[in-house]
Amino acid sequence: MEEQKLLQVVQAAAKQLGCTVESLTLDDDNNIEVVIDRPGSPVDLSDCETVHRAVLAAFDRDIEDYALTVSSLGISGAEADEMLNEINDK
């Protein structure tokens, strides 16, 4: 996966939301962890979902074979995944 393109996609999506990218980690197994923040205002689940969807639109999972977690400074990646699973189960 092209890390520079990934960073550009994540930063563009975050900027549209008024957020900043606090960290982006891409390991050798294509596990991606993104942490976003919004100065002066909380990041909500829909913000994380928007950044997540931007990456999904830019990179085909079948070709790139990656795992993606987007979270905020206020919650961990695991907590965000759990919240998304609960929403999708409803």
N, C-alpha and C. Protein backbone atom coordinates (compact mmCIF):
# COMPACT_ATOMS: atom_id res chain seq x y z
N MET A 1 0.84 -1.17 0.00
CA MET A 1 0.00 0.00 0.00
C MET A 1 0.90 1.24 0.00
N GLU A 2 0.48 2.22 -0.75
CA GLU A 2 1.25 3.45 -0.88
C GLU A 2 0.95 4.37 0.32
N GLU A 3 1.89 4.45 1.25
CA GLU A 3 1.68 5.17 2.50
C GLU A 3 1.42 6.65 2.28
N GLN A 4 2.09 7.27 1.33
CA GLN A 4 1.89 8.70 1.08
C GLN A 4 0.47 8.97 0.59
N LYS A 5 -0.03 8.12 -0.31
CA LYS A 5 -1.41 8.29 -0.79
C LYS A 5 -2.40 8.07 0.35
N LEU A 6 -2.14 7.08 1.19
CA LEU A 6 -3.00 6.81 2.34
C LEU A 6 -3.06 8.05 3.23
N LEU A 7 -1.93 8.64 3.53
CA LEU A 7 -1.88 9.84 4.37
C LEU A 7 -2.66 10.98 3.74
N GLN A 8 -2.53 11.16 2.44
CA GLN A 8 -3.25 12.24 1.75
C GLN A 8 -4.76 12.03 1.84
N VAL A 9 -5.23 10.81 1.65
CA VAL A 9 -6.66 10.49 1.71
C VAL A 9 -7.18 10.75 3.12
N VAL A 10 -6.46 10.27 4.12
CA VAL A 10 -6.89 10.43 5.51
C VAL A 10 -6.89 11.91 5.90
N GLN A 11 -5.85 12.63 5.54
CA GLN A 11 -5.79 14.06 5.89
C GLN A 11 -6.90 14.85 5.21
N ALA A 12 -7.18 14.55 3.94
CA ALA A 12 -8.24 15.27 3.22
C ALA A 12 -9.61 15.02 3.86
N ALA A 13 -9.89 13.77 4.22
CA ALA A 13 -11.17 13.44 4.84
C ALA A 13 -11.29 14.10 6.21
N ALA A 14 -10.23 14.06 6.99
CA ALA A 14 -10.24 14.67 8.31
C ALA A 14 -10.43 16.18 8.21
N LYS A 15 -9.75 16.80 7.28
CA LYS A 15 -9.83 18.25 7.11
C LYS A 15 -11.25 18.69 6.79
N GLN A 16 -11.95 17.92 5.95
CA GLN A 16 -13.34 18.25 5.61
C GLN A 16 -14.24 18.26 6.85
N LEU A 17 -13.86 17.50 7.85
CA LEU A 17 -14.64 17.40 9.08
C LEU A 17 -14.19 18.40 10.14
N GLY A 18 -13.14 19.17 9.83
CA GLY A 18 -12.58 20.08 10.81
C GLY A 18 -11.69 19.36 11.81
N CYS A 19 -11.22 18.18 11.43
CA CYS A 19 -10.38 17.36 12.30
C CYS A 19 -8.93 17.39 11.83
N THR A 20 -8.05 16.93 12.71
CA THR A 20 -6.65 16.75 12.37
C THR A 20 -6.29 15.28 12.55
N VAL A 21 -5.29 14.84 11.84
CA VAL A 21 -4.79 13.47 11.99
C VAL A 21 -3.69 13.50 13.04
N GLU A 22 -3.96 12.87 14.17
CA GLU A 22 -2.99 12.84 15.26
C GLU A 22 -1.93 11.77 15.03
N SER A 23 -2.35 10.65 14.46
CA SER A 23 -1.38 9.61 14.12
C SER A 23 -1.95 8.70 13.04
N LEU A 24 -1.05 8.14 12.27
CA LEU A 24 -1.38 7.15 11.25
C LEU A 24 -0.27 6.12 11.28
N THR A 25 -0.66 4.88 11.52
CA THR A 25 0.30 3.79 11.58
C THR A 25 -0.06 2.75 10.53
N LEU A 26 0.91 2.35 9.75
CA LEU A 26 0.75 1.30 8.75
C LEU A 26 1.87 0.30 8.99
N ASP A 27 1.50 -0.92 9.41
CA ASP A 27 2.55 -1.90 9.70
C ASP A 27 2.81 -2.79 8.49
N ASP A 28 3.73 -3.73 8.62
CA ASP A 28 4.14 -4.60 7.52
C ASP A 28 3.03 -5.53 7.04
N ASP A 29 2.01 -5.75 7.87
CA ASP A 29 0.88 -6.61 7.50
C ASP A 29 -0.29 -5.81 6.96
N ASN A 30 -0.07 -4.53 6.65
CA ASN A 30 -1.11 -3.62 6.15
C ASN A 30 -2.23 -3.40 7.16
N ASN A 31 -1.90 -3.41 8.43
CA ASN A 31 -2.83 -3.01 9.47
C ASN A 31 -2.68 -1.50 9.62
N ILE A 32 -3.79 -0.79 9.46
CA ILE A 32 -3.77 0.67 9.50
C ILE A 32 -4.52 1.13 10.74
N GLU A 33 -3.90 2.01 11.50
CA GLU A 33 -4.56 2.64 12.64
C GLU A 33 -4.45 4.15 12.48
N VAL A 34 -5.61 4.80 12.50
CA VAL A 34 -5.68 6.24 12.35
C VAL A 34 -6.32 6.82 13.61
N VAL A 35 -5.75 7.89 14.12
CA VAL A 35 -6.33 8.61 15.26
C VAL A 35 -6.56 10.05 14.82
N ILE A 36 -7.83 10.51 14.97
CA ILE A 36 -8.17 11.88 14.60
C ILE A 36 -8.60 12.66 15.84
N ASP A 37 -8.54 13.99 15.72
CA ASP A 37 -8.95 14.86 16.81
C ASP A 37 -9.55 16.12 16.21
N ARG A 38 -10.38 16.79 16.98
CA ARG A 38 -10.94 18.07 16.56
C ARG A 38 -10.72 19.05 17.71
N PRO A 39 -9.83 20.01 17.51
CA PRO A 39 -9.56 20.98 18.57
C PRO A 39 -10.83 21.74 18.97
N GLY A 40 -11.12 21.74 20.26
CA GLY A 40 -12.24 22.49 20.78
C GLY A 40 -13.60 21.83 20.65
N SER A 41 -13.66 20.65 20.08
CA SER A 41 -14.93 19.97 19.88
C SER A 41 -14.67 18.46 19.83
N PRO A 42 -15.58 17.68 20.37
CA PRO A 42 -15.35 16.23 20.36
C PRO A 42 -15.50 15.61 18.97
N VAL A 43 -14.77 14.56 18.75
CA VAL A 43 -14.91 13.74 17.56
C VAL A 43 -15.98 12.71 17.87
N ASP A 44 -16.92 12.53 16.94
CA ASP A 44 -17.94 11.52 17.19
C ASP A 44 -17.76 10.34 16.23
N LEU A 45 -18.57 9.35 16.43
CA LEU A 45 -18.45 8.12 15.64
C LEU A 45 -18.61 8.38 14.15
N SER A 46 -19.50 9.29 13.79
CA SER A 46 -19.70 9.57 12.36
C SER A 46 -18.45 10.17 11.73
N ASP A 47 -17.67 10.92 12.50
CA ASP A 47 -16.40 11.45 11.98
C ASP A 47 -15.45 10.30 11.65
N CYS A 48 -15.36 9.35 12.56
CA CYS A 48 -14.49 8.19 12.34
C CYS A 48 -14.98 7.39 11.13
N GLU A 49 -16.29 7.24 11.03
CA GLU A 49 -16.86 6.50 9.90
C GLU A 49 -16.55 7.19 8.57
N THR A 50 -16.61 8.52 8.55
CA THR A 50 -16.34 9.26 7.33
C THR A 50 -14.90 9.05 6.87
N VAL A 51 -13.96 9.12 7.78
CA VAL A 51 -12.56 8.88 7.43
C VAL A 51 -12.38 7.44 6.98
N HIS A 52 -13.01 6.52 7.67
CA HIS A 52 -12.94 5.10 7.32
C HIS A 52 -13.45 4.89 5.89
N ARG A 53 -14.59 5.47 5.58
CA ARG A 53 -15.17 5.30 4.24
C ARG A 53 -14.31 5.94 3.15
N ALA A 54 -13.64 7.03 3.47
CA ALA A 54 -12.76 7.67 2.49
C ALA A 54 -11.62 6.72 2.11
N VAL A 55 -11.08 6.02 3.11
CA VAL A 55 -10.01 5.06 2.84
C VAL A 55 -10.56 3.88 2.04
N LEU A 56 -11.74 3.40 2.41
CA LEU A 56 -12.36 2.29 1.67
C LEU A 56 -12.59 2.66 0.20
N ALA A 57 -12.98 3.91 -0.05
CA ALA A 57 -13.22 4.35 -1.41
C ALA A 57 -11.94 4.48 -2.22
N ALA A 58 -10.84 4.79 -1.56
CA ALA A 58 -9.57 5.02 -2.25
C ALA A 58 -8.74 3.76 -2.45
N PHE A 59 -8.94 2.75 -1.57
CA PHE A 59 -8.11 1.54 -1.62
C PHE A 59 -9.02 0.31 -1.59
N ASP A 60 -8.91 -0.52 -2.60
CA ASP A 60 -9.69 -1.75 -2.70
C ASP A 60 -9.13 -2.79 -1.73
N ARG A 61 -9.95 -3.20 -0.78
CA ARG A 61 -9.48 -4.18 0.21
C ARG A 61 -9.09 -5.51 -0.43
N ASP A 62 -9.74 -5.88 -1.53
CA ASP A 62 -9.42 -7.14 -2.19
C ASP A 62 -8.03 -7.10 -2.84
N ILE A 63 -7.62 -5.92 -3.23
CA ILE A 63 -6.31 -5.77 -3.87
C ILE A 63 -5.23 -5.48 -2.83
N GLU A 64 -5.50 -4.54 -1.94
CA GLU A 64 -4.51 -4.10 -0.96
C GLU A 64 -4.43 -5.02 0.26
N ASP A 65 -5.51 -5.73 0.59
CA ASP A 65 -5.57 -6.65 1.73
C ASP A 65 -5.10 -5.96 3.02
N TYR A 66 -5.94 -5.05 3.52
CA TYR A 66 -5.59 -4.30 4.72
C TYR A 66 -6.71 -4.38 5.76
N ALA A 67 -6.34 -4.07 6.99
CA ALA A 67 -7.30 -3.90 8.08
C ALA A 67 -7.19 -2.45 8.53
N LEU A 68 -8.34 -1.83 8.83
CA LEU A 68 -8.36 -0.40 9.12
C LEU A 68 -9.15 -0.12 10.38
N THR A 69 -8.56 0.68 11.25
CA THR A 69 -9.23 1.17 12.45
C THR A 69 -9.04 2.67 12.51
N VAL A 70 -10.16 3.40 12.66
CA VAL A 70 -10.11 4.84 12.83
C VAL A 70 -10.73 5.15 14.19
N SER A 71 -10.02 5.92 15.00
CA SER A 71 -10.52 6.26 16.33
C SER A 71 -10.15 7.70 16.65
N SER A 72 -10.63 8.17 17.79
CA SER A 72 -10.29 9.51 18.24
C SER A 72 -9.39 9.41 19.46
N LEU A 73 -8.89 10.54 19.89
CA LEU A 73 -8.06 10.54 21.08
C LEU A 73 -8.84 10.10 22.31
N GLY A 74 -10.17 10.28 22.27
CA GLY A 74 -11.00 9.96 23.42
C GLY A 74 -11.33 8.50 23.59
N ILE A 75 -11.27 7.72 22.51
CA ILE A 75 -11.57 6.29 22.60
C ILE A 75 -10.50 5.51 21.87
N SER A 76 -10.34 4.26 22.25
CA SER A 76 -9.34 3.42 21.60
C SER A 76 -9.91 2.82 20.32
N GLY A 77 -9.05 2.28 19.51
CA GLY A 77 -9.47 1.60 18.30
C GLY A 77 -10.41 0.44 18.59
N ALA A 78 -10.11 -0.32 19.63
CA ALA A 78 -10.96 -1.46 20.00
C ALA A 78 -12.35 -0.98 20.42
N GLU A 79 -12.41 0.13 21.16
CA GLU A 79 -13.71 0.68 21.57
C GLU A 79 -14.50 1.16 20.36
N ALA A 80 -13.82 1.79 19.40
CA ALA A 80 -14.49 2.25 18.18
C ALA A 80 -15.02 1.08 17.38
N ASP A 81 -14.23 0.01 17.25
CA ASP A 81 -14.68 -1.18 16.53
C ASP A 81 -15.91 -1.79 17.20
N GLU A 82 -15.91 -1.84 18.52
CA GLU A 82 -17.04 -2.40 19.26
C GLU A 82 -18.30 -1.57 19.02
N MET A 83 -18.15 -0.24 19.03
CA MET A 83 -19.29 0.63 18.79
C MET A 83 -19.83 0.44 17.37
N LEU A 84 -18.96 0.33 16.40
CA LEU A 84 -19.39 0.10 15.02
C LEU A 84 -20.11 -1.22 14.88
N ASN A 85 -19.61 -2.26 15.52
CA ASN A 85 -20.26 -3.56 15.47
C ASN A 85 -21.65 -3.51 16.07
N GLU A 86 -21.80 -2.79 17.18
CA GLU A 86 -23.11 -2.65 17.82
C GLU A 86 -24.08 -1.92 16.89
N ILE A 87 -23.62 -0.88 16.23
CA ILE A 87 -24.47 -0.14 15.31
C ILE A 87 -24.87 -1.01 14.12
N ASN A 88 -23.93 -1.76 13.58
CA ASN A 88 -24.21 -2.60 12.42
C ASN A 88 -25.13 -3.77 12.76
N ASP A 89 -25.14 -4.19 14.02
CA ASP A 89 -25.99 -5.30 14.44
C ASP A 89 -27.44 -4.87 14.61
N LYS A 90 -27.70 -3.58 14.70
CA LYS A 90 -29.07 -3.08 14.91
C LYS A 90 -29.85 -3.04 13.63
